[in-house]
PDB file of all heavy atoms in Angstrom:
ATOM      1  N   LEU A   1     101.177  99.982  81.032  1.00  0.00           N
ATOM      2  CA  LEU A   1     102.244 100.979  81.159  1.00  0.00           C
ATOM      3  C   LEU A   1     102.153 101.703  82.501  1.00  0.00           C
ATOM      4  O   LEU A   1     103.159 101.883  83.201  1.00  0.00           O
ATOM      5  CB  LEU A   1     102.180 101.977  80.003  1.00  0.00           C
ATOM      6  CG  LEU A   1     103.267 103.040  79.983  1.00  0.00           C
ATOM      7  CD1 LEU A   1     104.636 102.397  79.815  1.00  0.00           C
ATOM      8  CD2 LEU A   1     103.014 104.027  78.855  1.00  0.00           C
ATOM      9  N   ALA A   2     100.949 102.117  82.887  1.00  0.00           N
ATOM     10  CA  ALA A   2     100.761 102.811  84.167  1.00  0.00           C
ATOM     11  C   ALA A   2     101.097 101.882  85.331  1.00  0.00           C
ATOM     12  O   ALA A   2     101.783 102.291  86.284  1.00  0.00           O
ATOM     13  CB  ALA A   2      99.333 103.333  84.279  1.00  0.00           C
ATOM     14  N   ALA A   3     100.640 100.647  85.262  1.00  0.00           N
ATOM     15  CA  ALA A   3     100.941  99.687  86.326  1.00  0.00           C
ATOM     16  C   ALA A   3     102.451  99.434  86.393  1.00  0.00           C
ATOM     17  O   ALA A   3     103.018  99.346  87.491  1.00  0.00           O
ATOM     18  CB  ALA A   3     100.176  98.382  86.102  1.00  0.00           C
ATOM     19  N   ALA A   4     103.097  99.346  85.239  1.00  0.00           N
ATOM     20  CA  ALA A   4     104.549  99.134  85.209  1.00  0.00           C
ATOM     21  C   ALA A   4     105.285 100.329  85.817  1.00  0.00           C
ATOM     22  O   ALA A   4     106.244 100.146  86.588  1.00  0.00           O
ATOM     23  CB  ALA A   4     105.018  98.887  83.782  1.00  0.00           C
ATOM     24  N   ALA A   5     104.845 101.536  85.504  1.00  0.00           N
ATOM     25  CA  ALA A   5     105.492 102.732  86.055  1.00  0.00           C
ATOM     26  C   ALA A   5     105.364 102.772  87.574  1.00  0.00           C
ATOM     27  O   ALA A   5     106.344 103.063  88.289  1.00  0.00           O
ATOM     28  CB  ALA A   5     104.884 103.988  85.430  1.00  0.00           C
ATOM     29  N   LEU A   6     104.193 102.462  88.090  1.00  0.00           N
ATOM     30  CA  LEU A   6     104.001 102.432  89.543  1.00  0.00           C
ATOM     31  C   LEU A   6     104.823 101.311  90.181  1.00  0.00           C
ATOM     32  O   LEU A   6     105.367 101.476  91.278  1.00  0.00           O
ATOM     33  CB  LEU A   6     102.516 102.260  89.879  1.00  0.00           C
ATOM     34  CG  LEU A   6     101.626 103.469  89.577  1.00  0.00           C
ATOM     35  CD1 LEU A   6     100.151 103.099  89.737  1.00  0.00           C
ATOM     36  CD2 LEU A   6     101.987 104.644  90.465  1.00  0.00           C
ATOM     37  N   THR A   7     104.923 100.195  89.498  1.00  0.00           N
ATOM     38  CA  THR A   7     105.730  99.077  90.003  1.00  0.00           C
ATOM     39  C   THR A   7     107.203  99.470  90.053  1.00  0.00           C
ATOM     40  O   THR A   7     107.900  99.155  91.029  1.00  0.00           O
ATOM     41  CB  THR A   7     105.536  97.820  89.126  1.00  0.00           C
ATOM     42  OG1 THR A   7     104.147  97.477  89.112  1.00  0.00           O
ATOM     43  CG2 THR A   7     106.348  96.641  89.637  1.00  0.00           C
ATOM     44  N   VAL A   8     107.674 100.156  89.036  1.00  0.00           N
ATOM     45  CA  VAL A   8     109.069 100.617  89.024  1.00  0.00           C
ATOM     46  C   VAL A   8     109.316 101.559  90.201  1.00  0.00           C
ATOM     47  O   VAL A   8     110.344 101.459  90.890  1.00  0.00           O
ATOM     48  CB  VAL A   8     109.421 101.291  87.671  1.00  0.00           C
ATOM     49  CG1 VAL A   8     110.737 102.049  87.754  1.00  0.00           C
ATOM     50  CG2 VAL A   8     109.473 100.248  86.564  1.00  0.00           C
ATOM     51  N   LEU A   9     108.383 102.461  90.468  1.00  0.00           N
ATOM     52  CA  LEU A   9     108.519 103.365  91.607  1.00  0.00           C
ATOM     53  C   LEU A   9     108.638 102.572  92.913  1.00  0.00           C
ATOM     54  O   LEU A   9     109.508 102.856  93.751  1.00  0.00           O
ATOM     55  CB  LEU A   9     107.327 104.327  91.671  1.00  0.00           C
ATOM     56  CG  LEU A   9     107.308 105.283  92.857  1.00  0.00           C
ATOM     57  CD1 LEU A   9     108.512 106.217  92.825  1.00  0.00           C
ATOM     58  CD2 LEU A   9     106.016 106.085  92.858  1.00  0.00           C
ATOM     59  N   ASP A  10     107.792 101.564  93.076  1.00  0.00           N
ATOM     60  CA  ASP A  10     107.866 100.708  94.259  1.00  0.00           C
ATOM     61  C   ASP A  10     109.225 100.038  94.346  1.00  0.00           C
ATOM     62  O   ASP A  10     109.851 100.018  95.416  1.00  0.00           O
ATOM     63  CB  ASP A  10     106.760  99.650  94.209  1.00  0.00           C
ATOM     64  CG  ASP A  10     106.980  98.547  95.231  1.00  0.00           C
ATOM     65  OD1 ASP A  10     106.861  98.836  96.439  1.00  0.00           O
ATOM     66  OD2 ASP A  10     107.286  97.407  94.823  1.00  0.00           O
ATOM     67  N   GLN A  11     109.709  99.487  93.257  1.00  0.00           N
ATOM     68  CA  GLN A  11     110.983  98.770  93.262  1.00  0.00           C
ATOM     69  C   GLN A  11     112.164  99.705  93.551  1.00  0.00           C
ATOM     70  O   GLN A  11     113.104  99.314  94.233  1.00  0.00           O
ATOM     71  CB  GLN A  11     111.187  98.026  91.935  1.00  0.00           C
ATOM     72  CG  GLN A  11     110.268  96.831  91.763  1.00  0.00           C
ATOM     73  CD  GLN A  11     110.502  95.774  92.808  1.00  0.00           C
ATOM     74  OE1 GLN A  11     111.599  95.232  92.955  1.00  0.00           O
ATOM     75  NE2 GLN A  11     109.464  95.461  93.584  1.00  0.00           N
ATOM     76  N   ILE A  12     112.092 100.930  93.080  1.00  0.00           N
ATOM     77  CA  ILE A  12     113.142 101.904  93.380  1.00  0.00           C
ATOM     78  C   ILE A  12     113.196 102.180  94.876  1.00  0.00           C
ATOM     79  O   ILE A  12     114.268 102.210  95.481  1.00  0.00           O
ATOM     80  CB  ILE A  12     112.934 103.210  92.570  1.00  0.00           C
ATOM     81  CG1 ILE A  12     113.243 102.955  91.093  1.00  0.00           C
ATOM     82  CG2 ILE A  12     113.807 104.340  93.117  1.00  0.00           C
ATOM     83  CD1 ILE A  12     112.841 104.103  90.168  1.00  0.00           C
ATOM     84  N   THR A  13     112.015 102.354  95.490  1.00  0.00           N
ATOM     85  CA  THR A  13     112.001 102.610  96.939  1.00  0.00           C
ATOM     86  C   THR A  13     112.571 101.421  97.703  1.00  0.00           C
ATOM     87  O   THR A  13     113.268 101.600  98.707  1.00  0.00           O
ATOM     88  CB  THR A  13     110.581 102.948  97.453  1.00  0.00           C
ATOM     89  OG1 THR A  13     109.716 101.830  97.271  1.00  0.00           O
ATOM     90  CG2 THR A  13     110.020 104.185  96.774  1.00  0.00           C
ATOM     91  N   LYS A  14     112.296 100.218  97.230  1.00  0.00           N
ATOM     92  CA  LYS A  14     112.816  99.027  97.906  1.00  0.00           C
ATOM     93  C   LYS A  14     114.327  98.899  97.717  1.00  0.00           C
ATOM     94  O   LYS A  14     115.050  98.514  98.644  1.00  0.00           O
ATOM     95  CB  LYS A  14     112.095  97.782  97.411  1.00  0.00           C
ATOM     96  CG  LYS A  14     110.648  97.711  97.892  1.00  0.00           C
ATOM     97  CD  LYS A  14     109.918  96.557  97.253  1.00  0.00           C
ATOM     98  CE  LYS A  14     108.478  96.486  97.722  1.00  0.00           C
ATOM     99  NZ  LYS A  14     107.720  95.487  96.970  1.00  0.00           N
ATOM    100  N   LEU A  15     114.819  99.242  96.530  1.00  0.00           N
ATOM    101  CA  LEU A  15     116.269  99.229  96.305  1.00  0.00           C
ATOM    102  C   LEU A  15     116.957 100.233  97.226  1.00  0.00           C
ATOM    103  O   LEU A  15     118.019  99.948  97.794  1.00  0.00           O
ATOM    104  CB  LEU A  15     116.590  99.541  94.842  1.00  0.00           C
ATOM    105  CG  LEU A  15     116.294  98.442  93.832  1.00  0.00           C
ATOM    106  CD1 LEU A  15     116.488  98.952  92.410  1.00  0.00           C
ATOM    107  CD2 LEU A  15     117.181  97.229  94.087  1.00  0.00           C
ATOM    108  N   LEU A  16     116.361 101.401  97.386  1.00  0.00           N
ATOM    109  CA  LEU A  16     116.904 102.411  98.290  1.00  0.00           C
ATOM    110  C   LEU A  16     116.882 101.915  99.737  1.00  0.00           C
ATOM    111  O   LEU A  16     117.830 102.146 100.494  1.00  0.00           O
ATOM    112  CB  LEU A  16     116.134 103.725  98.153  1.00  0.00           C
ATOM    113  CG  LEU A  16     116.319 104.463  96.826  1.00  0.00           C
ATOM    114  CD1 LEU A  16     115.345 105.628  96.710  1.00  0.00           C
ATOM    115  CD2 LEU A  16     117.764 104.928  96.653  1.00  0.00           C
ATOM    116  N   ALA A  17     115.806 101.228 100.101  1.00  0.00           N
ATOM    117  CA  ALA A  17     115.709 100.679 101.457  1.00  0.00           C
ATOM    118  C   ALA A  17     116.811  99.653 101.695  1.00  0.00           C
ATOM    119  O   ALA A  17     117.466  99.667 102.746  1.00  0.00           O
ATOM    120  CB  ALA A  17     114.336 100.057 101.685  1.00  0.00           C
ATOM    121  N   VAL A  18     117.036  98.779 100.740  1.00  0.00           N
ATOM    122  CA  VAL A  18     118.085  97.773 100.879  1.00  0.00           C
ATOM    123  C   VAL A  18     119.446  98.459 100.992  1.00  0.00           C
ATOM    124  O   VAL A  18     120.254  98.126 101.858  1.00  0.00           O
ATOM    125  CB  VAL A  18     118.064  96.777  99.692  1.00  0.00           C
ATOM    126  CG1 VAL A  18     119.298  95.888  99.693  1.00  0.00           C
ATOM    127  CG2 VAL A  18     116.799  95.927  99.720  1.00  0.00           C
ATOM    128  N   ARG A  19     119.675  99.430 100.159  1.00  0.00           N
ATOM    129  CA  ARG A  19     120.981 100.095 100.124  1.00  0.00           C
ATOM    130  C   ARG A  19     121.262 100.931 101.376  1.00  0.00           C
ATOM    131  O   ARG A  19     122.370 100.907 101.902  1.00  0.00           O
ATOM    132  CB  ARG A  19     121.072 100.968  98.886  1.00  0.00           C
ATOM    133  CG  ARG A  19     122.422 101.624  98.742  1.00  0.00           C
ATOM    134  CD  ARG A  19     122.601 102.252  97.427  1.00  0.00           C
ATOM    135  NE  ARG A  19     123.968 102.733  97.315  1.00  0.00           N
ATOM    136  CZ  ARG A  19     124.438 103.318  96.280  1.00  0.00           C
ATOM    137  NH1 ARG A  19     123.669 103.502  95.226  1.00  0.00           N
ATOM    138  NH2 ARG A  19     125.675 103.738  96.237  1.00  0.00           N
ATOM    139  N   TYR A  20     120.261 101.676 101.833  1.00  0.00           N
ATOM    140  CA  TYR A  20     120.513 102.643 102.899  1.00  0.00           C
ATOM    141  C   TYR A  20     119.956 102.263 104.278  1.00  0.00           C
ATOM    142  O   TYR A  20     120.303 102.911 105.259  1.00  0.00           O
ATOM    143  CB  TYR A  20     119.954 104.012 102.501  1.00  0.00           C
ATOM    144  CG  TYR A  20     120.673 104.589 101.313  1.00  0.00           C
ATOM    145  CD1 TYR A  20     120.058 104.652 100.070  1.00  0.00           C
ATOM    146  CD2 TYR A  20     121.984 105.054 101.425  1.00  0.00           C
ATOM    147  CE1 TYR A  20     120.715 105.167  98.964  1.00  0.00           C
ATOM    148  CE2 TYR A  20     122.652 105.575 100.325  1.00  0.00           C
ATOM    149  CZ  TYR A  20     122.016 105.626  99.099  1.00  0.00           C
ATOM    150  OH  TYR A  20     122.681 106.136  98.016  1.00  0.00           O
ATOM    151  N   LEU A  21     119.122 101.228 104.348  1.00  0.00           N
ATOM    152  CA  LEU A  21     118.527 100.880 105.637  1.00  0.00           C
ATOM    153  C   LEU A  21     118.950  99.514 106.160  1.00  0.00           C
ATOM    154  O   LEU A  21     118.973  99.303 107.368  1.00  0.00           O
ATOM    155  CB  LEU A  21     116.990 100.913 105.542  1.00  0.00           C
ATOM    156  CG  LEU A  21     116.360 102.258 105.201  1.00  0.00           C
ATOM    157  CD1 LEU A  21     114.857 102.101 104.999  1.00  0.00           C
ATOM    158  CD2 LEU A  21     116.658 103.289 106.277  1.00  0.00           C
ATOM    159  N   LYS A  22     119.252  98.585 105.272  1.00  0.00           N
ATOM    160  CA  LYS A  22     119.597  97.224 105.694  1.00  0.00           C
ATOM    161  C   LYS A  22     120.834  97.254 106.591  1.00  0.00           C
ATOM    162  O   LYS A  22     121.868  97.806 106.225  1.00  0.00           O
ATOM    163  CB  LYS A  22     119.842  96.324 104.483  1.00  0.00           C
ATOM    164  CG  LYS A  22     120.066  94.877 104.834  1.00  0.00           C
ATOM    165  CD  LYS A  22     120.181  94.011 103.606  1.00  0.00           C
ATOM    166  CE  LYS A  22     120.311  92.554 104.005  1.00  0.00           C
ATOM    167  NZ  LYS A  22     120.309  91.682 102.815  1.00  0.00           N
ATOM    168  N   GLY A  23     120.693  96.669 107.776  1.00  0.00           N
ATOM    169  CA  GLY A  23     121.806  96.608 108.709  1.00  0.00           C
ATOM    170  C   GLY A  23     122.085  97.921 109.431  1.00  0.00           C
ATOM    171  O   GLY A  23     123.066  98.032 110.149  1.00  0.00           O
ATOM    172  N   GLN A  24     121.225  98.897 109.241  1.00  0.00           N
ATOM    173  CA  GLN A  24     121.405 100.212 109.861  1.00  0.00           C
ATOM    174  C   GLN A  24     120.353 100.431 110.942  1.00  0.00           C
ATOM    175  O   GLN A  24     119.320  99.769 110.953  1.00  0.00           O
ATOM    176  CB  GLN A  24     121.277 101.323 108.803  1.00  0.00           C
ATOM    177  CG  GLN A  24     122.227 101.204 107.642  1.00  0.00           C
ATOM    178  CD  GLN A  24     123.683 101.371 108.059  1.00  0.00           C
ATOM    179  OE1 GLN A  24     124.005 102.260 108.847  1.00  0.00           O
ATOM    180  NE2 GLN A  24     124.536 100.479 107.568  1.00  0.00           N
ATOM    181  N   ALA A  25     120.592 101.409 111.788  1.00  0.00           N
ATOM    182  CA  ALA A  25     119.598 101.806 112.783  1.00  0.00           C
ATOM    183  C   ALA A  25     118.428 102.470 112.072  1.00  0.00           C
ATOM    184  O   ALA A  25     118.570 102.978 110.946  1.00  0.00           O
ATOM    185  CB  ALA A  25     120.228 102.791 113.781  1.00  0.00           C
ATOM    186  N   ASN A  26     117.280 102.444 112.713  1.00  0.00           N
ATOM    187  CA  ASN A  26     116.093 103.097 112.137  1.00  0.00           C
ATOM    188  C   ASN A  26     116.392 104.560 111.841  1.00  0.00           C
ATOM    189  O   ASN A  26     117.115 105.217 112.583  1.00  0.00           O
ATOM    190  CB  ASN A  26     114.917 103.027 113.107  1.00  0.00           C
ATOM    191  CG  ASN A  26     114.419 101.626 113.307  1.00  0.00           C
ATOM    192  OD1 ASN A  26     115.001 100.667 112.822  1.00  0.00           O
ATOM    193  ND2 ASN A  26     113.334 101.495 114.036  1.00  0.00           N
ATOM    194  N   ARG A  27     115.795 105.046 110.768  1.00  0.00           N
ATOM    195  CA  ARG A  27     115.885 106.478 110.442  1.00  0.00           C
ATOM    196  C   ARG A  27     114.586 107.123 110.892  1.00  0.00           C
ATOM    197  O   ARG A  27     113.518 106.842 110.334  1.00  0.00           O
ATOM    198  CB  ARG A  27     116.068 106.684 108.943  1.00  0.00           C
ATOM    199  CG  ARG A  27     117.241 105.945 108.372  1.00  0.00           C
ATOM    200  CD  ARG A  27     118.363 106.859 108.053  1.00  0.00           C
ATOM    201  NE  ARG A  27     119.519 106.062 107.673  1.00  0.00           N
ATOM    202  CZ  ARG A  27     120.258 106.288 106.639  1.00  0.00           C
ATOM    203  NH1 ARG A  27     119.991 107.299 105.848  1.00  0.00           N
ATOM    204  NH2 ARG A  27     121.301 105.539 106.382  1.00  0.00           N
ATOM    205  N   ILE A  28     114.668 107.955 111.881  1.00  0.00           N
ATOM    206  CA  ILE A  28     113.483 108.614 112.425  1.00  0.00           C
ATOM    207  C   ILE A  28     113.192 109.853 111.586  1.00  0.00           C
ATOM    208  O   ILE A  28     114.011 110.769 111.513  1.00  0.00           O
ATOM    209  CB  ILE A  28     113.684 108.976 113.909  1.00  0.00           C
ATOM    210  CG1 ILE A  28     113.930 107.688 114.700  1.00  0.00           C
ATOM    211  CG2 ILE A  28     112.486 109.748 114.440  1.00  0.00           C
ATOM    212  CD1 ILE A  28     114.372 107.906 116.130  1.00  0.00           C
ATOM    213  N   LEU A  29     112.025 109.866 110.945  1.00  0.00           N
ATOM    214  CA  LEU A  29     111.634 111.006 110.124  1.00  0.00           C
ATOM    215  C   LEU A  29     110.778 111.986 110.909  1.00  0.00           C
ATOM    216  O   LEU A  29     110.956 113.193 110.813  1.00  0.00           O
ATOM    217  CB  LEU A  29     110.908 110.537 108.868  1.00  0.00           C
ATOM    218  CG  LEU A  29     111.706 109.623 107.936  1.00  0.00           C
ATOM    219  CD1 LEU A  29     110.885 109.246 106.724  1.00  0.00           C
ATOM    220  CD2 LEU A  29     113.009 110.280 107.509  1.00  0.00           C
ATOM    221  N   ILE A  30     109.827 111.457 111.664  1.00  0.00           N
ATOM    222  CA  ILE A  30     108.981 112.269 112.552  1.00  0.00           C
ATOM    223  C   ILE A  30     109.031 111.576 113.909  1.00  0.00           C
ATOM    224  O   ILE A  30     108.434 110.504 114.074  1.00  0.00           O
ATOM    225  CB  ILE A  30     107.526 112.369 112.040  1.00  0.00           C
ATOM    226  CG1 ILE A  30     107.491 112.937 110.621  1.00  0.00           C
ATOM    227  CG2 ILE A  30     106.686 113.236 112.981  1.00  0.00           C
ATOM    228  CD1 ILE A  30     106.117 112.877 109.970  1.00  0.00           C
ATOM    229  N   PRO A  31     109.761 112.158 114.867  1.00  0.00           N
ATOM    230  CA  PRO A  31     109.943 111.489 116.158  1.00  0.00           C
ATOM    231  C   PRO A  31     108.615 111.071 116.792  1.00  0.00           C
ATOM    232  O   PRO A  31     107.668 111.843 116.878  1.00  0.00           O
ATOM    233  CB  PRO A  31     110.646 112.559 117.018  1.00  0.00           C
ATOM    234  CG  PRO A  31     111.337 113.442 116.022  1.00  0.00           C
ATOM    235  CD  PRO A  31     110.430 113.457 114.810  1.00  0.00           C
ATOM    236  N   GLY A  32     108.572 109.802 117.202  1.00  0.00           N
ATOM    237  CA  GLY A  32     107.392 109.258 117.847  1.00  0.00           C
ATOM    238  C   GLY A  32     106.232 108.979 116.912  1.00  0.00           C
ATOM    239  O   GLY A  32     105.163 108.563 117.347  1.00  0.00           O
ATOM    240  N   VAL A  33     106.441 109.185 115.601  1.00  0.00           N
ATOM    241  CA  VAL A  33     105.353 108.984 114.639  1.00  0.00           C
ATOM    242  C   VAL A  33     105.752 108.083 113.478  1.00  0.00           C
ATOM    243  O   VAL A  33     105.094 107.091 113.201  1.00  0.00           O
ATOM    244  CB  VAL A  33     104.832 110.332 114.086  1.00  0.00           C
ATOM    245  CG1 VAL A  33     103.741 110.118 113.048  1.00  0.00           C
ATOM    246  CG2 VAL A  33     104.343 111.230 115.199  1.00  0.00           C
TER     247      VAL A  33
END
């Protein structure tokens, strides 16, 4: 259950990356870092 919950968290971040980052310019969170 714990491994599944952490895996779901990982997959959510990847879905967000596909949706909001694919084909887009880099999103700078901390300039130069």
